[in-house]
Amino acid sequence: MSSRLAFYLLVATLTVLDAVLLRSPNLVGKIGLFIYKYHYLRTFPKTLLTLSLVIAVSSIIAEAIRFMVKKEIIKRLFGQIVLSSLTILCAALLVKTGVDFSGGTYAHTGLRFRAGAYLLPAILVVVFAYGSATVPRIQVPFPESPVVNEKDQENDHRPSKDPS
């Protein structure tokens, strides 16, 4: 099994786990989902669909950048800068989620729900970091030496030492 396939199977498993966790708020969390109109988190299928779409779009972005680097549409350095920037942005989102869920009413939504809230930006960090780490290197052909070309030209002008 290729490592990319194994990676995306792991991401799919984490997505399902995240949907299960987000679908398990306590009473305060359920009231919060109702008050803040988080209709996309009210049922397991809606939660799974929402998370799957977010993670799928992120994975497609990472794979598109890898593809464009491989086909030399964009430079490797630019691809790595974009993917690293997205990784840092998602890490900042993870920190913000940690700050939001450490105090206020979000702190009382239940351990499972909070773990699910932390898991989504963590998955996005992993997706973009993996994309950045696996950006293909373009193999530049080694240029021929001018000295070798001069020696070949000298050998062409010498008479052959054929005994016949």
N, C-alpha and C. Protein backbone atom coordinates (compact mmCIF):
# COMPACT_ATOMS: atom_id res chain seq x y z
N MET A 1 0.85 -1.17 0.00
CA MET A 1 0.00 0.00 0.00
C MET A 1 0.90 1.24 0.00
N SER A 2 0.57 2.18 -0.84
CA SER A 2 1.40 3.38 -0.92
C SER A 2 1.23 4.22 0.34
N SER A 3 2.23 5.00 0.63
CA SER A 3 2.19 5.80 1.86
C SER A 3 1.11 6.89 1.77
N ARG A 4 0.88 7.43 0.58
CA ARG A 4 -0.17 8.46 0.44
C ARG A 4 -1.55 7.87 0.69
N LEU A 5 -1.79 6.67 0.18
CA LEU A 5 -3.07 6.01 0.41
C LEU A 5 -3.26 5.74 1.90
N ALA A 6 -2.22 5.25 2.56
CA ALA A 6 -2.30 5.00 4.00
C ALA A 6 -2.54 6.29 4.76
N PHE A 7 -1.90 7.37 4.33
CA PHE A 7 -2.10 8.67 4.99
C PHE A 7 -3.55 9.12 4.86
N TYR A 8 -4.12 9.04 3.66
CA TYR A 8 -5.49 9.50 3.48
C TYR A 8 -6.51 8.57 4.13
N LEU A 9 -6.20 7.30 4.29
CA LEU A 9 -7.07 6.42 5.06
C LEU A 9 -7.06 6.83 6.54
N LEU A 10 -5.88 7.20 7.05
CA LEU A 10 -5.79 7.71 8.41
C LEU A 10 -6.59 9.00 8.57
N VAL A 11 -6.49 9.89 7.60
CA VAL A 11 -7.24 11.15 7.66
C VAL A 11 -8.75 10.86 7.62
N ALA A 12 -9.18 9.91 6.80
CA ALA A 12 -10.60 9.56 6.75
C ALA A 12 -11.08 8.98 8.08
N THR A 13 -10.25 8.16 8.70
CA THR A 13 -10.60 7.60 10.00
C THR A 13 -10.71 8.69 11.06
N LEU A 14 -9.76 9.63 11.03
CA LEU A 14 -9.81 10.74 11.99
C LEU A 14 -11.02 11.64 11.74
N THR A 15 -11.44 11.75 10.50
CA THR A 15 -12.63 12.55 10.17
C THR A 15 -13.88 11.92 10.77
N VAL A 16 -14.01 10.61 10.64
CA VAL A 16 -15.17 9.92 11.23
C VAL A 16 -15.13 10.04 12.75
N LEU A 17 -13.94 9.87 13.34
CA LEU A 17 -13.81 10.02 14.79
C LEU A 17 -14.19 11.43 15.23
N ASP A 18 -13.76 12.43 14.47
CA ASP A 18 -14.09 13.81 14.80
C ASP A 18 -15.60 14.04 14.72
N ALA A 19 -16.25 13.46 13.73
CA ALA A 19 -17.71 13.60 13.62
C ALA A 19 -18.41 12.96 14.81
N VAL A 20 -17.92 11.81 15.25
CA VAL A 20 -18.51 11.16 16.42
C VAL A 20 -18.33 12.03 17.66
N LEU A 21 -17.15 12.59 17.83
CA LEU A 21 -16.88 13.43 19.00
C LEU A 21 -17.72 14.72 19.00
N LEU A 22 -17.81 15.35 17.83
CA LEU A 22 -18.59 16.60 17.75
C LEU A 22 -20.09 16.35 17.90
N ARG A 23 -20.52 15.16 17.66
CA ARG A 23 -21.93 14.83 17.78
C ARG A 23 -22.28 14.42 19.20
N SER A 24 -21.32 14.55 20.14
CA SER A 24 -21.55 14.11 21.51
C SER A 24 -21.43 15.24 22.54
N PRO A 25 -22.10 16.36 22.33
CA PRO A 25 -22.01 17.41 23.37
C PRO A 25 -22.90 17.05 24.56
N ASN A 26 -22.59 17.65 25.69
CA ASN A 26 -23.48 17.48 26.84
C ASN A 26 -24.67 18.43 26.68
N LEU A 27 -25.47 18.57 27.73
CA LEU A 27 -26.68 19.39 27.64
C LEU A 27 -26.36 20.85 27.31
N VAL A 28 -25.33 21.39 27.94
CA VAL A 28 -24.94 22.78 27.66
C VAL A 28 -24.50 22.91 26.20
N GLY A 29 -23.77 21.92 25.70
CA GLY A 29 -23.35 21.95 24.30
C GLY A 29 -24.51 21.86 23.34
N LYS A 30 -25.50 21.04 23.66
CA LYS A 30 -26.69 20.93 22.80
C LYS A 30 -27.47 22.24 22.77
N ILE A 31 -27.56 22.89 23.92
CA ILE A 31 -28.24 24.19 23.96
C ILE A 31 -27.46 25.20 23.14
N GLY A 32 -26.13 25.16 23.25
CA GLY A 32 -25.28 26.07 22.47
C GLY A 32 -25.43 25.84 20.97
N LEU A 33 -25.52 24.57 20.54
CA LEU A 33 -25.73 24.28 19.12
C LEU A 33 -27.05 24.87 18.64
N PHE A 34 -28.08 24.80 19.50
CA PHE A 34 -29.38 25.35 19.14
C PHE A 34 -29.36 26.87 19.12
N ILE A 35 -28.78 27.49 20.15
CA ILE A 35 -28.77 28.95 20.24
C ILE A 35 -27.95 29.57 19.11
N TYR A 36 -26.75 29.01 18.86
CA TYR A 36 -25.87 29.59 17.85
C TYR A 36 -26.18 29.10 16.44
N LYS A 37 -27.24 28.31 16.31
CA LYS A 37 -27.72 27.83 15.01
C LYS A 37 -26.65 27.08 14.22
N TYR A 38 -25.94 26.19 14.91
CA TYR A 38 -24.97 25.33 14.26
C TYR A 38 -25.72 24.11 13.71
N HIS A 39 -26.59 24.37 12.72
CA HIS A 39 -27.43 23.30 12.17
C HIS A 39 -26.61 22.20 11.50
N TYR A 40 -25.41 22.54 11.05
CA TYR A 40 -24.56 21.55 10.37
C TYR A 40 -23.91 20.59 11.37
N LEU A 41 -24.11 20.78 12.67
CA LEU A 41 -23.56 19.86 13.68
C LEU A 41 -24.66 19.17 14.48
N ARG A 42 -25.90 19.28 14.06
CA ARG A 42 -27.00 18.73 14.86
C ARG A 42 -27.17 17.23 14.71
N THR A 43 -26.87 16.67 13.56
CA THR A 43 -26.99 15.22 13.37
C THR A 43 -25.65 14.67 12.90
N PHE A 44 -25.46 13.38 13.11
CA PHE A 44 -24.19 12.76 12.70
C PHE A 44 -23.95 12.87 11.20
N PRO A 45 -24.94 12.59 10.33
CA PRO A 45 -24.67 12.71 8.89
C PRO A 45 -24.28 14.14 8.47
N LYS A 46 -24.95 15.15 9.04
CA LYS A 46 -24.61 16.53 8.71
C LYS A 46 -23.20 16.87 9.20
N THR A 47 -22.87 16.41 10.40
CA THR A 47 -21.55 16.67 10.95
C THR A 47 -20.48 15.99 10.10
N LEU A 48 -20.71 14.74 9.74
CA LEU A 48 -19.74 14.01 8.92
C LEU A 48 -19.59 14.66 7.55
N LEU A 49 -20.70 15.08 6.95
CA LEU A 49 -20.64 15.74 5.65
C LEU A 49 -19.86 17.05 5.74
N THR A 50 -20.13 17.85 6.76
CA THR A 50 -19.44 19.13 6.93
C THR A 50 -17.93 18.92 7.09
N LEU A 51 -17.56 18.02 7.99
CA LEU A 51 -16.13 17.75 8.21
C LEU A 51 -15.47 17.17 6.97
N SER A 52 -16.16 16.25 6.31
CA SER A 52 -15.60 15.63 5.11
C SER A 52 -15.35 16.66 4.02
N LEU A 53 -16.28 17.59 3.85
CA LEU A 53 -16.11 18.63 2.83
C LEU A 53 -14.92 19.53 3.16
N VAL A 54 -14.79 19.93 4.41
CA VAL A 54 -13.68 20.80 4.80
C VAL A 54 -12.35 20.10 4.59
N ILE A 55 -12.26 18.86 5.04
CA ILE A 55 -11.00 18.12 4.92
C ILE A 55 -10.73 17.73 3.48
N ALA A 56 -11.76 17.40 2.71
CA ALA A 56 -11.57 17.06 1.30
C ALA A 56 -11.06 18.26 0.50
N VAL A 57 -11.63 19.43 0.75
CA VAL A 57 -11.17 20.63 0.05
C VAL A 57 -9.72 20.93 0.41
N SER A 58 -9.38 20.78 1.68
CA SER A 58 -7.99 21.00 2.11
C SER A 58 -7.04 19.99 1.45
N SER A 59 -7.45 18.75 1.39
CA SER A 59 -6.62 17.72 0.75
C SER A 59 -6.47 17.98 -0.74
N ILE A 60 -7.54 18.43 -1.39
CA ILE A 60 -7.48 18.73 -2.82
C ILE A 60 -6.53 19.90 -3.08
N ILE A 61 -6.57 20.90 -2.20
CA ILE A 61 -5.64 22.04 -2.35
C ILE A 61 -4.20 21.56 -2.22
N ALA A 62 -3.93 20.74 -1.21
CA ALA A 62 -2.57 20.23 -1.01
C ALA A 62 -2.12 19.38 -2.20
N GLU A 63 -2.99 18.51 -2.67
CA GLU A 63 -2.62 17.65 -3.81
C GLU A 63 -2.49 18.45 -5.10
N ALA A 64 -3.31 19.47 -5.28
CA ALA A 64 -3.20 20.32 -6.48
C ALA A 64 -1.86 21.05 -6.51
N ILE A 65 -1.43 21.53 -5.36
CA ILE A 65 -0.13 22.21 -5.31
C ILE A 65 0.99 21.21 -5.60
N ARG A 66 0.89 20.02 -5.03
CA ARG A 66 1.91 18.99 -5.32
C ARG A 66 1.92 18.66 -6.82
N PHE A 67 0.75 18.54 -7.43
CA PHE A 67 0.65 18.24 -8.85
C PHE A 67 1.26 19.35 -9.69
N MET A 68 0.96 20.61 -9.34
CA MET A 68 1.50 21.73 -10.12
C MET A 68 3.02 21.83 -9.99
N VAL A 69 3.55 21.47 -8.85
CA VAL A 69 5.01 21.46 -8.70
C VAL A 69 5.60 20.32 -9.54
N LYS A 70 4.95 19.18 -9.52
CA LYS A 70 5.44 18.02 -10.29
C LYS A 70 5.44 18.30 -11.79
N LYS A 71 4.40 19.00 -12.26
CA LYS A 71 4.30 19.33 -13.69
C LYS A 71 5.03 20.62 -14.03
N GLU A 72 5.71 21.20 -13.04
CA GLU A 72 6.51 22.42 -13.19
C GLU A 72 5.67 23.63 -13.61
N ILE A 73 4.42 23.65 -13.19
CA ILE A 73 3.57 24.81 -13.42
C ILE A 73 3.95 25.92 -12.45
N ILE A 74 4.26 25.51 -11.21
CA ILE A 74 4.77 26.46 -10.22
C ILE A 74 6.08 25.92 -9.68
N LYS A 75 6.87 26.79 -9.12
CA LYS A 75 8.16 26.40 -8.56
C LYS A 75 7.95 25.67 -7.23
N ARG A 76 8.89 24.78 -6.91
CA ARG A 76 8.82 24.01 -5.68
C ARG A 76 8.82 24.93 -4.46
N LEU A 77 9.65 25.95 -4.47
CA LEU A 77 9.73 26.87 -3.34
C LEU A 77 8.39 27.56 -3.11
N PHE A 78 7.74 28.00 -4.18
CA PHE A 78 6.44 28.65 -4.05
C PHE A 78 5.41 27.68 -3.46
N GLY A 79 5.41 26.44 -3.93
CA GLY A 79 4.49 25.43 -3.41
C GLY A 79 4.71 25.17 -1.93
N GLN A 80 5.98 25.10 -1.54
CA GLN A 80 6.27 24.88 -0.12
C GLN A 80 5.88 26.09 0.72
N ILE A 81 6.07 27.28 0.19
CA ILE A 81 5.68 28.49 0.93
C ILE A 81 4.17 28.51 1.14
N VAL A 82 3.40 28.20 0.10
CA VAL A 82 1.94 28.19 0.21
C VAL A 82 1.49 27.14 1.22
N LEU A 83 2.02 25.92 1.11
CA LEU A 83 1.61 24.85 2.02
C LEU A 83 2.06 25.12 3.45
N SER A 84 3.24 25.68 3.61
CA SER A 84 3.72 26.03 4.96
C SER A 84 2.86 27.15 5.56
N SER A 85 2.47 28.10 4.74
CA SER A 85 1.60 29.18 5.22
C SER A 85 0.24 28.63 5.66
N LEU A 86 -0.30 27.70 4.89
CA LEU A 86 -1.57 27.09 5.27
C LEU A 86 -1.43 26.26 6.55
N THR A 87 -0.28 25.61 6.71
CA THR A 87 -0.01 24.85 7.94
C THR A 87 0.02 25.79 9.14
N ILE A 88 0.71 26.91 9.00
CA ILE A 88 0.81 27.89 10.10
C ILE A 88 -0.56 28.49 10.40
N LEU A 89 -1.34 28.78 9.35
CA LEU A 89 -2.68 29.32 9.54
C LEU A 89 -3.57 28.34 10.31
N CYS A 90 -3.49 27.07 9.97
CA CYS A 90 -4.30 26.07 10.66
C CYS A 90 -3.80 25.85 12.09
N ALA A 91 -2.49 25.97 12.30
CA ALA A 91 -1.95 25.88 13.67
C ALA A 91 -2.45 27.05 14.51
N ALA A 92 -2.53 28.24 13.90
CA ALA A 92 -3.09 29.40 14.61
C ALA A 92 -4.57 29.16 14.93
N LEU A 93 -5.28 28.53 14.02
CA LEU A 93 -6.68 28.18 14.27
C LEU A 93 -6.80 27.18 15.42
N LEU A 94 -5.87 26.25 15.51
CA LEU A 94 -5.85 25.29 16.61
C LEU A 94 -5.61 26.01 17.94
N VAL A 95 -4.70 26.96 17.95
CA VAL A 95 -4.45 27.74 19.17
C VAL A 95 -5.69 28.55 19.54
N LYS A 96 -6.32 29.17 18.55
CA LYS A 96 -7.54 29.95 18.82
C LYS A 96 -8.63 29.05 19.38
N THR A 97 -8.77 27.85 18.83
CA THR A 97 -9.76 26.90 19.35
C THR A 97 -9.44 26.56 20.80
N GLY A 98 -8.17 26.36 21.10
CA GLY A 98 -7.78 26.07 22.48
C GLY A 98 -8.12 27.21 23.42
N VAL A 99 -7.89 28.43 22.97
CA VAL A 99 -8.23 29.59 23.80
C VAL A 99 -9.74 29.71 23.97
N ASP A 100 -10.49 29.53 22.90
CA ASP A 100 -11.95 29.64 22.96
C ASP A 100 -12.57 28.58 23.88
N PHE A 101 -12.06 27.37 23.81
CA PHE A 101 -12.66 26.28 24.56
C PHE A 101 -12.09 26.12 25.96
N SER A 102 -11.17 27.00 26.36
CA SER A 102 -10.64 26.91 27.72
C SER A 102 -11.41 27.79 28.70
N GLY A 103 -12.25 28.65 28.20
CA GLY A 103 -13.01 29.51 29.09
C GLY A 103 -14.39 29.79 28.54
N GLY A 104 -15.20 30.41 29.34
CA GLY A 104 -16.55 30.78 28.90
C GLY A 104 -17.47 29.58 28.82
N THR A 105 -18.53 29.73 28.06
CA THR A 105 -19.52 28.65 27.96
C THR A 105 -18.99 27.46 27.18
N TYR A 106 -18.05 27.69 26.26
CA TYR A 106 -17.48 26.57 25.51
C TYR A 106 -16.77 25.57 26.41
N ALA A 107 -16.25 26.03 27.54
CA ALA A 107 -15.54 25.15 28.47
C ALA A 107 -16.47 24.14 29.11
N HIS A 108 -17.77 24.37 29.04
CA HIS A 108 -18.75 23.50 29.68
C HIS A 108 -19.53 22.64 28.68
N THR A 109 -19.02 22.48 27.48
CA THR A 109 -19.75 21.74 26.44
C THR A 109 -19.49 20.24 26.49
N GLY A 110 -18.60 19.79 27.33
CA GLY A 110 -18.31 18.37 27.44
C GLY A 110 -16.96 18.04 26.83
N LEU A 111 -16.29 17.08 27.43
CA LEU A 111 -14.93 16.71 27.01
C LEU A 111 -14.89 16.19 25.58
N ARG A 112 -15.85 15.36 25.20
CA ARG A 112 -15.87 14.82 23.84
C ARG A 112 -16.02 15.91 22.79
N PHE A 113 -16.96 16.81 23.03
CA PHE A 113 -17.20 17.89 22.07
C PHE A 113 -15.95 18.77 21.93
N ARG A 114 -15.31 19.08 23.04
CA ARG A 114 -14.09 19.90 22.99
C ARG A 114 -12.99 19.17 22.25
N ALA A 115 -12.85 17.86 22.49
CA ALA A 115 -11.83 17.08 21.78
C ALA A 115 -12.10 17.09 20.28
N GLY A 116 -13.36 16.99 19.90
CA GLY A 116 -13.73 17.08 18.49
C GLY A 116 -13.42 18.44 17.90
N ALA A 117 -13.62 19.48 18.69
CA ALA A 117 -13.32 20.84 18.21
C ALA A 117 -11.83 21.01 18.00
N TYR A 118 -11.01 20.42 18.86
CA TYR A 118 -9.55 20.49 18.69
C TYR A 118 -9.08 19.65 17.51
N LEU A 119 -9.78 18.55 17.26
CA LEU A 119 -9.30 17.60 16.25
C LEU A 119 -9.38 18.14 14.82
N LEU A 120 -10.40 18.92 14.49
CA LEU A 120 -10.51 19.42 13.11
C LEU A 120 -9.32 20.28 12.70
N PRO A 121 -8.94 21.33 13.43
CA PRO A 121 -7.77 22.08 12.99
C PRO A 121 -6.48 21.26 13.06
N ALA A 122 -6.43 20.30 13.99
CA ALA A 122 -5.25 19.43 14.06
C ALA A 122 -5.13 18.57 12.79
N ILE A 123 -6.25 18.07 12.30
CA ILE A 123 -6.24 17.29 11.05
C ILE A 123 -5.78 18.18 9.89
N LEU A 124 -6.26 19.41 9.85
CA LEU A 124 -5.87 20.32 8.78
C LEU A 124 -4.38 20.64 8.84
N VAL A 125 -3.84 20.79 10.04
CA VAL A 125 -2.39 21.00 10.19
C VAL A 125 -1.63 19.81 9.61
N VAL A 126 -2.09 18.63 9.93
CA VAL A 126 -1.42 17.41 9.46
C VAL A 126 -1.52 17.30 7.94
N VAL A 127 -2.67 17.60 7.36
CA VAL A 127 -2.84 17.50 5.91
C VAL A 127 -1.89 18.46 5.18
N PHE A 128 -1.84 19.71 5.62
CA PHE A 128 -0.98 20.68 4.95
C PHE A 128 0.50 20.43 5.23
N ALA A 129 0.83 19.98 6.43
CA ALA A 129 2.23 19.66 6.74
C ALA A 129 2.69 18.46 5.91
N TYR A 130 1.82 17.46 5.75
CA TYR A 130 2.16 16.31 4.91
C TYR A 130 2.34 16.75 3.45
N GLY A 131 1.46 17.60 2.99
CA GLY A 131 1.59 18.12 1.62
C GLY A 131 2.89 18.88 1.44
N SER A 132 3.26 19.68 2.43
CA SER A 132 4.51 20.45 2.35
C SER A 132 5.73 19.53 2.39
N ALA A 133 5.66 18.50 3.21
CA ALA A 133 6.80 17.58 3.34
C ALA A 133 6.97 16.69 2.12
N THR A 134 5.91 16.48 1.36
CA THR A 134 5.99 15.57 0.21
C THR A 134 5.95 16.27 -1.13
N VAL A 135 6.23 17.58 -1.14
CA VAL A 135 6.30 18.29 -2.42
C VAL A 135 7.45 17.68 -3.21
N PRO A 136 7.20 17.24 -4.44
CA PRO A 136 8.25 16.54 -5.20
C PRO A 136 9.41 17.46 -5.57
N ARG A 137 10.57 16.86 -5.60
CA ARG A 137 11.76 17.58 -6.07
C ARG A 137 11.87 17.37 -7.57
N ILE A 138 12.16 18.44 -8.28
CA ILE A 138 12.31 18.37 -9.72
C ILE A 138 13.75 17.97 -10.01
N GLN A 139 13.92 16.91 -10.78
CA GLN A 139 15.25 16.45 -11.14
C GLN A 139 15.77 17.25 -12.32
N VAL A 140 16.79 18.04 -12.07
CA VAL A 140 17.40 18.84 -13.13
C VAL A 140 18.50 18.00 -13.75
N PRO A 141 18.49 17.83 -15.07
CA PRO A 141 19.54 17.03 -15.69
C PRO A 141 20.90 17.69 -15.50
N PHE A 142 21.89 16.86 -15.26
CA PHE A 142 23.24 17.36 -15.05
C PHE A 142 23.79 17.82 -16.39
N PRO A 143 24.29 19.06 -16.48
CA PRO A 143 24.79 19.55 -17.77
C PRO A 143 26.08 18.84 -18.18
N GLU A 144 26.23 18.70 -19.48
CA GLU A 144 27.45 18.06 -19.98
C GLU A 144 28.63 19.01 -19.84
N SER A 145 29.77 18.44 -19.61
CA SER A 145 30.97 19.24 -19.43
C SER A 145 31.52 19.65 -20.79
N PRO A 146 31.94 20.90 -20.95
CA PRO A 146 32.53 21.31 -22.23
C PRO A 146 33.86 20.59 -22.49
N VAL A 147 34.56 20.19 -21.44
CA VAL A 147 35.83 19.47 -21.60
C VAL A 147 35.58 18.13 -22.27
N VAL A 148 34.52 17.44 -21.91
CA VAL A 148 34.20 16.16 -22.53
C VAL A 148 33.91 16.36 -24.01
N ASN A 149 33.19 17.41 -24.35
CA ASN A 149 32.89 17.68 -25.75
C ASN A 149 34.15 17.97 -26.55
N GLU A 150 35.11 18.70 -25.97
CA GLU A 150 36.37 18.98 -26.66
C GLU A 150 37.15 17.70 -26.90
N LYS A 151 37.19 16.80 -25.93
CA LYS A 151 37.93 15.54 -26.09
C LYS A 151 37.28 14.68 -27.17
N ASP A 152 35.96 14.69 -27.24
CA ASP A 152 35.27 13.93 -28.28
C ASP A 152 35.61 14.48 -29.66
N GLN A 153 35.69 15.79 -29.79
CA GLN A 153 36.02 16.40 -31.07
C GLN A 153 37.46 16.07 -31.46
N GLU A 154 38.38 16.06 -30.49
CA GLU A 154 39.77 15.69 -30.78
C GLU A 154 39.85 14.25 -31.25
N ASN A 155 39.10 13.37 -30.63
CA ASN A 155 39.12 11.96 -31.01
C ASN A 155 38.53 11.76 -32.41
N ASP A 156 37.63 12.59 -32.82
CA ASP A 156 37.03 12.47 -34.15
C ASP A 156 38.04 12.83 -35.24
N HIS A 157 39.00 13.72 -34.97
CA HIS A 157 39.97 14.16 -35.97
C HIS A 157 41.19 13.25 -36.06
N ARG A 158 41.44 12.40 -35.12
CA ARG A 158 42.59 11.48 -35.16
C ARG A 158 42.31 10.35 -36.12
N PRO A 159 43.29 9.93 -36.79
CA PRO A 159 43.08 8.75 -37.67
C PRO A 159 42.90 7.51 -36.81
N SER A 160 42.07 6.64 -37.28
CA SER A 160 41.82 5.44 -36.51
C SER A 160 43.00 4.49 -36.60
N LYS A 161 43.24 3.73 -35.59
CA LYS A 161 44.37 2.79 -35.53
C LYS A 161 43.87 1.41 -35.88
N ASP A 162 43.14 1.32 -36.93
CA ASP A 162 42.61 0.04 -37.36
C ASP A 162 43.68 -0.68 -38.17
N PRO A 163 44.11 -1.89 -37.79
CA PRO A 163 45.21 -2.59 -38.49
C PRO A 163 44.82 -3.09 -39.88
N SER A 164 43.64 -3.02 -40.30
CA SER A 164 43.29 -3.59 -41.61
C SER A 164 43.64 -2.74 -42.74
